[in-house]
Amino acid sequence: MSEQQEIAVHIAELGAADSQAQERAVESLIKIGAAAVDMLIDAVNDGDATVCANAVEALGQIGDERAVGPMIIALQDTDANVVIAAMNALRRIGDPRAVHPLIPFLSSDDIYIHFNATLALGQLKHGQTVDALLEILDSDDARVRHGSVVALGRIGDGRAIEPLIGLLNDEEGKVRYSAAYALGDIATEADNQVIAPLRALLTDSDFNVANAAREALAKLGV
């Protein structure tokens, strides 16, 4: 059996009724690696959500940049499992082209899609990721502000410090909480401008916000 025939056999198993057979097929395709990418990209357009999600998973694990375009297209799939698989694949590949297509998902009502979009953006550590996230910190949608803050905290770029200080007064508790938490991760003892605003949150009416501020100050040695 040629390598191409072997790949075709494994791809056929991506839609198997047995989930363990699906997992074995994904693992086999990942081991084959780059040689399987073209056929996996074709499988993304199979039309079957299970086949598509498994193909996307394999492509993400292989990490070949040829898959970035198809993964961005897969973000528009109607099946949430495919969308989340595409987000995770883009996160693993780490190509900055994924940044702007991922941002709209920060406003999703689906907590899993919102979480995975935030996670993906937080691991796409490129300058343009930070720029894009900073641009949406003033969004009218609290979910977008919150997701952007969390992602910025994961990235750890100092350019976010001043805008995050501003969000310590946000009307939404979850945004104040995430901003305090992010500042604790980003700021250093030399960033004195964060101390007073964080101290002001120690009496916040939201216990979680006050606790996040306390933890952030502890990280700063205050």
C-alpha atoms as a PDB file:
ATOM      1  CA  MET A   1       0.000   0.000   0.000  1.00  0.00           C
ATOM      2  CA  SER A   2       1.392   3.402  -0.976  1.00  0.00           C
ATOM      3  CA  GLU A   3       1.542   6.279   1.472  1.00  0.00           C
ATOM      4  CA  GLN A   4      -1.274   8.069  -0.355  1.00  0.00           C
ATOM      5  CA  GLN A   5      -3.454   4.975  -0.147  1.00  0.00           C
ATOM      6  CA  GLU A   6      -2.676   4.681   3.559  1.00  0.00           C
ATOM      7  CA  ILE A   7      -3.666   8.327   4.070  1.00  0.00           C
ATOM      8  CA  ALA A   8      -6.927   7.739   2.191  1.00  0.00           C
ATOM      9  CA  VAL A   9      -7.741   4.764   4.428  1.00  0.00           C
ATOM     10  CA  HIS A  10      -7.186   6.800   7.588  1.00  0.00           C
ATOM     11  CA  ILE A  11      -9.214   9.728   6.264  1.00  0.00           C
ATOM     12  CA  ALA A  12     -12.102   7.370   5.525  1.00  0.00           C
ATOM     13  CA  GLU A  13     -12.000   6.377   9.200  1.00  0.00           C
ATOM     14  CA  LEU A  14     -12.387   9.976  10.385  1.00  0.00           C
ATOM     15  CA  GLY A  15     -16.149   9.519  10.065  1.00  0.00           C
ATOM     16  CA  ALA A  16     -16.302   6.028  11.548  1.00  0.00           C
ATOM     17  CA  ALA A  17     -19.183   5.155  13.871  1.00  0.00           C
ATOM     18  CA  ASP A  18     -16.656   4.049  16.494  1.00  0.00           C
ATOM     19  CA  SER A  19     -15.107   7.088  18.210  1.00  0.00           C
ATOM     20  CA  GLN A  20     -11.994   5.094  19.075  1.00  0.00           C
ATOM     21  CA  ALA A  21     -11.508   4.291  15.385  1.00  0.00           C
ATOM     22  CA  GLN A  22     -11.769   8.029  14.705  1.00  0.00           C
ATOM     23  CA  GLU A  23      -9.112   8.765  17.330  1.00  0.00           C
ATOM     24  CA  ARG A  24      -6.761   6.135  15.900  1.00  0.00           C
ATOM     25  CA  ALA A  25      -7.195   7.611  12.432  1.00  0.00           C
ATOM     26  CA  VAL A  26      -6.415  11.127  13.702  1.00  0.00           C
ATOM     27  CA  GLU A  27      -3.319   9.857  15.508  1.00  0.00           C
ATOM     28  CA  SER A  28      -2.127   7.989  12.431  1.00  0.00           C
ATOM     29  CA  LEU A  29      -2.548  11.037  10.220  1.00  0.00           C
ATOM     30  CA  ILE A  30      -0.674  13.204  12.710  1.00  0.00           C
ATOM     31  CA  LYS A  31       2.204  10.720  12.640  1.00  0.00           C
ATOM     32  CA  ILE A  32       2.275  10.829   8.844  1.00  0.00           C
ATOM     33  CA  GLY A  33       2.474  14.595   9.057  1.00  0.00           C
ATOM     34  CA  ALA A  34       3.026  16.957   6.145  1.00  0.00           C
ATOM     35  CA  ALA A  35       2.363  14.328   3.491  1.00  0.00           C
ATOM     36  CA  ALA A  36      -1.236  14.071   4.738  1.00  0.00           C
ATOM     37  CA  VAL A  37      -1.981  17.804   4.737  1.00  0.00           C
ATOM     38  CA  ASP A  38      -3.430  18.150   1.229  1.00  0.00           C
ATOM     39  CA  MET A  39      -5.847  15.241   1.655  1.00  0.00           C
ATOM     40  CA  LEU A  40      -6.806  16.463   5.123  1.00  0.00           C
ATOM     41  CA  ILE A  41      -7.601  19.901   3.711  1.00  0.00           C
ATOM     42  CA  ASP A  42      -9.884  18.190   1.187  1.00  0.00           C
ATOM     43  CA  ALA A  43     -11.524  16.307   4.074  1.00  0.00           C
ATOM     44  CA  VAL A  44     -12.328  19.603   5.818  1.00  0.00           C
ATOM     45  CA  ASN A  45     -14.743  20.243   2.943  1.00  0.00           C
ATOM     46  CA  ASP A  46     -16.281  16.773   3.191  1.00  0.00           C
ATOM     47  CA  GLY A  47     -19.636  18.087   4.397  1.00  0.00           C
ATOM     48  CA  ASP A  48     -19.782  15.736   7.370  1.00  0.00           C
ATOM     49  CA  ALA A  49     -19.208  17.596  10.641  1.00  0.00           C
ATOM     50  CA  THR A  50     -17.448  14.648  12.313  1.00  0.00           C
ATOM     51  CA  VAL A  51     -15.038  14.155   9.413  1.00  0.00           C
ATOM     52  CA  CYS A  52     -14.428  17.889   9.242  1.00  0.00           C
ATOM     53  CA  ALA A  53     -13.755  18.288  12.972  1.00  0.00           C
ATOM     54  CA  ASN A  54     -11.367  15.325  13.018  1.00  0.00           C
ATOM     55  CA  ALA A  55      -9.530  16.561   9.924  1.00  0.00           C
ATOM     56  CA  VAL A  56      -9.191  19.999  11.504  1.00  0.00           C
ATOM     57  CA  GLU A  57      -7.849  18.423  14.705  1.00  0.00           C
ATOM     58  CA  ALA A  58      -5.212  16.494  12.757  1.00  0.00           C
ATOM     59  CA  LEU A  59      -4.203  19.582  10.783  1.00  0.00           C
ATOM     60  CA  GLY A  60      -3.821  21.599  13.959  1.00  0.00           C
ATOM     61  CA  GLN A  61      -1.619  18.945  15.525  1.00  0.00           C
ATOM     62  CA  ILE A  62       0.521  18.683  12.387  1.00  0.00           C
ATOM     63  CA  GLY A  63       0.924  22.474  12.433  1.00  0.00           C
ATOM     64  CA  ASP A  64       1.488  23.037   8.728  1.00  0.00           C
ATOM     65  CA  GLU A  65       0.856  26.655   7.650  1.00  0.00           C
ATOM     66  CA  ARG A  66      -0.887  25.426   4.489  1.00  0.00           C
ATOM     67  CA  ALA A  67      -3.854  24.710   6.744  1.00  0.00           C
ATOM     68  CA  VAL A  68      -4.313  28.292   7.981  1.00  0.00           C
ATOM     69  CA  GLY A  69      -6.591  29.425   5.144  1.00  0.00           C
ATOM     70  CA  PRO A  70      -8.873  26.364   5.337  1.00  0.00           C
ATOM     71  CA  MET A  71      -9.007  26.697   9.137  1.00  0.00           C
ATOM     72  CA  ILE A  72     -10.106  30.333   8.853  1.00  0.00           C
ATOM     73  CA  ILE A  73     -12.848  29.230   6.468  1.00  0.00           C
ATOM     74  CA  ALA A  74     -13.837  26.448   8.895  1.00  0.00           C
ATOM     75  CA  LEU A  75     -14.492  29.116  11.540  1.00  0.00           C
ATOM     76  CA  GLN A  76     -17.663  29.913   9.583  1.00  0.00           C
ATOM     77  CA  ASP A  77     -19.006  26.364   9.835  1.00  0.00           C
ATOM     78  CA  THR A  78     -22.488  25.956  11.312  1.00  0.00           C
ATOM     79  CA  ASP A  79     -21.331  23.170  13.623  1.00  0.00           C
ATOM     80  CA  ALA A  80     -19.882  24.456  16.915  1.00  0.00           C
ATOM     81  CA  ASN A  81     -17.546  21.457  17.235  1.00  0.00           C
ATOM     82  CA  VAL A  82     -15.957  22.288  13.893  1.00  0.00           C
ATOM     83  CA  VAL A  83     -15.595  25.954  14.847  1.00  0.00           C
ATOM     84  CA  ILE A  84     -13.934  25.113  18.168  1.00  0.00           C
ATOM     85  CA  ALA A  85     -11.649  22.575  16.479  1.00  0.00           C
ATOM     86  CA  ALA A  86     -10.622  25.259  13.970  1.00  0.00           C
ATOM     87  CA  MET A  87      -9.896  27.725  16.784  1.00  0.00           C
ATOM     88  CA  ASN A  88      -7.693  25.188  18.524  1.00  0.00           C
ATOM     89  CA  ALA A  89      -5.919  24.353  15.267  1.00  0.00           C
ATOM     90  CA  LEU A  90      -5.211  28.021  14.591  1.00  0.00           C
ATOM     91  CA  ARG A  91      -3.953  28.418  18.155  1.00  0.00           C
ATOM     92  CA  ARG A  92      -1.516  25.544  17.698  1.00  0.00           C
ATOM     93  CA  ILE A  93      -0.290  26.731  14.296  1.00  0.00           C
ATOM     94  CA  GLY A  94       0.196  30.251  15.678  1.00  0.00           C
ATOM     95  CA  ASP A  95      -0.132  32.210  12.438  1.00  0.00           C
ATOM     96  CA  PRO A  96      -1.093  35.900  12.936  1.00  0.00           C
ATOM     97  CA  ARG A  97      -3.468  35.731   9.963  1.00  0.00           C
ATOM     98  CA  ALA A  98      -5.930  34.121  12.380  1.00  0.00           C
ATOM     99  CA  VAL A  99      -6.173  37.160  14.667  1.00  0.00           C
ATOM    100  CA  HIS A 100      -8.855  39.229  12.944  1.00  0.00           C
ATOM    101  CA  PRO A 101     -11.053  36.226  11.994  1.00  0.00           C
ATOM    102  CA  LEU A 102     -11.051  35.126  15.654  1.00  0.00           C
ATOM    103  CA  ILE A 103     -11.992  38.476  17.214  1.00  0.00           C
ATOM    104  CA  PRO A 104     -15.724  38.409  16.269  1.00  0.00           C
ATOM    105  CA  PHE A 105     -16.129  35.244  18.342  1.00  0.00           C
ATOM    106  CA  LEU A 106     -15.396  37.179  21.537  1.00  0.00           C
ATOM    107  CA  SER A 107     -19.010  38.382  21.353  1.00  0.00           C
ATOM    108  CA  SER A 108     -20.420  34.850  21.099  1.00  0.00           C
ATOM    109  CA  ASP A 109     -23.217  33.842  23.475  1.00  0.00           C
ATOM    110  CA  ASP A 110     -21.778  30.317  23.422  1.00  0.00           C
ATOM    111  CA  ILE A 111     -19.443  30.192  26.422  1.00  0.00           C
ATOM    112  CA  TYR A 112     -17.300  27.460  24.856  1.00  0.00           C
ATOM    113  CA  ILE A 113     -16.788  29.373  21.616  1.00  0.00           C
ATOM    114  CA  HIS A 114     -16.053  32.565  23.575  1.00  0.00           C
ATOM    115  CA  PHE A 115     -13.554  30.734  25.796  1.00  0.00           C
ATOM    116  CA  ASN A 116     -11.740  29.041  22.928  1.00  0.00           C
ATOM    117  CA  ALA A 117     -11.540  32.276  20.935  1.00  0.00           C
ATOM    118  CA  THR A 118     -10.048  34.019  23.969  1.00  0.00           C
ATOM    119  CA  LEU A 119      -7.607  31.156  24.511  1.00  0.00           C
ATOM    120  CA  ALA A 120      -6.527  31.162  20.878  1.00  0.00           C
ATOM    121  CA  LEU A 121      -5.982  34.925  20.800  1.00  0.00           C
ATOM    122  CA  GLY A 122      -4.075  34.765  24.068  1.00  0.00           C
ATOM    123  CA  GLN A 123      -1.605  32.318  22.551  1.00  0.00           C
ATOM    124  CA  LEU A 124      -1.141  34.133  19.234  1.00  0.00           C
ATOM    125  CA  LYS A 125       1.684  36.214  20.656  1.00  0.00           C
ATOM    126  CA  HIS A 126       2.310  38.642  17.823  1.00  0.00           C
ATOM    127  CA  GLY A 127       2.458  42.423  17.812  1.00  0.00           C
ATOM    128  CA  GLN A 128      -0.575  42.654  15.586  1.00  0.00           C
ATOM    129  CA  THR A 129      -2.544  40.497  18.035  1.00  0.00           C
ATOM    130  CA  VAL A 130      -1.911  43.058  20.771  1.00  0.00           C
ATOM    131  CA  ASP A 131      -2.811  45.931  18.442  1.00  0.00           C
ATOM    132  CA  ALA A 132      -6.083  44.277  17.459  1.00  0.00           C
ATOM    133  CA  LEU A 133      -7.029  43.487  21.058  1.00  0.00           C
ATOM    134  CA  LEU A 134      -6.237  46.995  22.248  1.00  0.00           C
ATOM    135  CA  GLU A 135      -8.495  48.411  19.540  1.00  0.00           C
ATOM    136  CA  ILE A 136     -11.542  46.589  20.896  1.00  0.00           C
ATOM    137  CA  LEU A 137     -11.080  47.356  24.599  1.00  0.00           C
ATOM    138  CA  ASP A 138     -13.672  50.128  24.272  1.00  0.00           C
ATOM    139  CA  SER A 139     -16.290  47.821  22.740  1.00  0.00           C
ATOM    140  CA  ASP A 140     -19.863  48.301  23.918  1.00  0.00           C
ATOM    141  CA  ASP A 141     -20.048  44.531  24.410  1.00  0.00           C
ATOM    142  CA  ALA A 142     -18.757  43.470  27.848  1.00  0.00           C
ATOM    143  CA  ARG A 143     -18.005  39.985  26.502  1.00  0.00           C
ATOM    144  CA  VAL A 144     -15.632  41.492  23.957  1.00  0.00           C
ATOM    145  CA  ARG A 145     -13.928  43.685  26.555  1.00  0.00           C
ATOM    146  CA  HIS A 146     -13.583  40.745  28.926  1.00  0.00           C
ATOM    147  CA  GLY A 147     -12.207  38.375  26.263  1.00  0.00           C
ATOM    148  CA  SER A 148      -9.753  40.960  25.023  1.00  0.00           C
ATOM    149  CA  VAL A 149      -8.500  41.657  28.552  1.00  0.00           C
ATOM    150  CA  VAL A 150      -8.010  37.969  29.301  1.00  0.00           C
ATOM    151  CA  ALA A 151      -6.118  37.455  26.041  1.00  0.00           C
ATOM    152  CA  LEU A 152      -3.915  40.488  26.711  1.00  0.00           C
ATOM    153  CA  GLY A 153      -3.110  39.132  30.147  1.00  0.00           C
ATOM    154  CA  ARG A 154      -2.012  35.833  28.615  1.00  0.00           C
ATOM    155  CA  ILE A 155       0.157  37.587  26.042  1.00  0.00           C
ATOM    156  CA  GLY A 156       1.823  39.768  28.678  1.00  0.00           C
ATOM    157  CA  ASP A 157       2.688  42.794  26.540  1.00  0.00           C
ATOM    158  CA  GLY A 158       3.440  45.929  28.575  1.00  0.00           C
ATOM    159  CA  ARG A 159       1.577  48.132  26.091  1.00  0.00           C
ATOM    160  CA  ALA A 160      -1.640  46.857  27.644  1.00  0.00           C
ATOM    161  CA  ILE A 161      -0.918  48.200  31.138  1.00  0.00           C
ATOM    162  CA  GLU A 162      -2.317  51.716  30.751  1.00  0.00           C
ATOM    163  CA  PRO A 163      -5.519  50.656  28.935  1.00  0.00           C
ATOM    164  CA  LEU A 164      -6.073  47.915  31.520  1.00  0.00           C
ATOM    165  CA  ILE A 165      -5.785  50.433  34.352  1.00  0.00           C
ATOM    166  CA  GLY A 166      -8.629  52.330  32.703  1.00  0.00           C
ATOM    167  CA  LEU A 167     -10.779  49.187  32.741  1.00  0.00           C
ATOM    168  CA  LEU A 168     -10.428  48.806  36.500  1.00  0.00           C
ATOM    169  CA  ASN A 169     -13.372  51.231  36.622  1.00  0.00           C
ATOM    170  CA  ASP A 170     -15.470  49.313  34.087  1.00  0.00           C
ATOM    171  CA  GLU A 171     -19.180  49.016  34.877  1.00  0.00           C
ATOM    172  CA  GLU A 172     -19.024  45.230  34.471  1.00  0.00           C
ATOM    173  CA  GLY A 173     -17.566  43.289  37.388  1.00  0.00           C
ATOM    174  CA  LYS A 174     -16.115  40.556  35.184  1.00  0.00           C
ATOM    175  CA  VAL A 175     -14.181  43.168  33.206  1.00  0.00           C
ATOM    176  CA  ARG A 176     -12.803  44.789  36.385  1.00  0.00           C
ATOM    177  CA  TYR A 177     -11.886  41.335  37.652  1.00  0.00           C
ATOM    178  CA  SER A 178     -10.110  40.275  34.455  1.00  0.00           C
ATOM    179  CA  ALA A 179      -8.301  43.642  34.213  1.00  0.00           C
ATOM    180  CA  ALA A 180      -6.988  43.347  37.777  1.00  0.00           C
ATOM    181  CA  TYR A 181      -5.942  39.759  37.182  1.00  0.00           C
ATOM    182  CA  ALA A 182      -4.218  40.661  33.893  1.00  0.00           C
ATOM    183  CA  LEU A 183      -2.332  43.541  35.507  1.00  0.00           C
ATOM    184  CA  GLY A 184      -1.046  41.147  38.136  1.00  0.00           C
ATOM    185  CA  ASP A 185       0.390  39.014  35.336  1.00  0.00           C
ATOM    186  CA  ILE A 186       1.775  41.842  33.190  1.00  0.00           C
ATOM    187  CA  ALA A 187       2.954  44.575  35.542  1.00  0.00           C
ATOM    188  CA  THR A 188       6.211  44.523  37.456  1.00  0.00           C
ATOM    189  CA  GLU A 189       7.308  46.251  40.658  1.00  0.00           C
ATOM    190  CA  ALA A 190       8.600  49.089  38.494  1.00  0.00           C
ATOM    191  CA  ASP A 191       5.093  49.839  37.184  1.00  0.00           C
ATOM    192  CA  ASN A 192       4.088  52.054  40.096  1.00  0.00           C
ATOM    193  CA  GLN A 193       1.092  53.526  38.270  1.00  0.00           C
ATOM    194  CA  VAL A 194      -0.903  50.309  38.783  1.00  0.00           C
ATOM    195  CA  ILE A 195      -0.693  50.251  42.582  1.00  0.00           C
ATOM    196  CA  ALA A 196      -3.159  53.016  43.521  1.00  0.00           C
ATOM    197  CA  PRO A 197      -5.885  51.890  41.070  1.00  0.00           C
ATOM    198  CA  LEU A 198      -5.550  48.296  42.289  1.00  0.00           C
ATOM    199  CA  ARG A 199      -5.723  49.381  45.920  1.00  0.00           C
ATOM    200  CA  ALA A 200      -8.933  51.256  45.138  1.00  0.00           C
ATOM    201  CA  LEU A 201     -10.488  47.950  44.111  1.00  0.00           C
ATOM    202  CA  LEU A 202      -9.835  46.338  47.487  1.00  0.00           C
ATOM    203  CA  THR A 203     -13.186  47.751  48.628  1.00  0.00           C
ATOM    204  CA  ASP A 204     -15.045  46.831  45.433  1.00  0.00           C
ATOM    205  CA  SER A 205     -18.592  45.604  46.011  1.00  0.00           C
ATOM    206  CA  ASP A 206     -17.782  42.479  43.974  1.00  0.00           C
ATOM    207  CA  PHE A 207     -15.807  40.049  46.152  1.00  0.00           C
ATOM    208  CA  ASN A 208     -14.120  38.458  43.135  1.00  0.00           C
ATOM    209  CA  VAL A 209     -12.899  41.844  41.909  1.00  0.00           C
ATOM    210  CA  ALA A 210     -11.508  42.766  45.325  1.00  0.00           C
ATOM    211  CA  ASN A 211      -9.789  39.394  45.593  1.00  0.00           C
ATOM    212  CA  ALA A 212      -8.241  39.744  42.117  1.00  0.00           C
ATOM    213  CA  ALA A 213      -6.886  43.172  43.084  1.00  0.00           C
ATOM    214  CA  ARG A 214      -5.466  41.720  46.303  1.00  0.00           C
ATOM    215  CA  GLU A 215      -3.729  38.922  44.388  1.00  0.00           C
ATOM    216  CA  ALA A 216      -2.366  41.362  41.808  1.00  0.00           C
ATOM    217  CA  LEU A 217      -0.894  43.580  44.507  1.00  0.00           C
ATOM    218  CA  ALA A 218       0.665  40.553  46.172  1.00  0.00           C
ATOM    219  CA  LYS A 219       2.356  39.643  42.886  1.00  0.00           C
ATOM    220  CA  LEU A 220       3.745  43.181  42.817  1.00  0.00           C
ATOM    221  CA  GLY A 221       5.104  42.788  46.321  1.00  0.00           C
ATOM    222  CA  VAL A 222       2.695  45.313  47.820  1.00  0.00           C
END
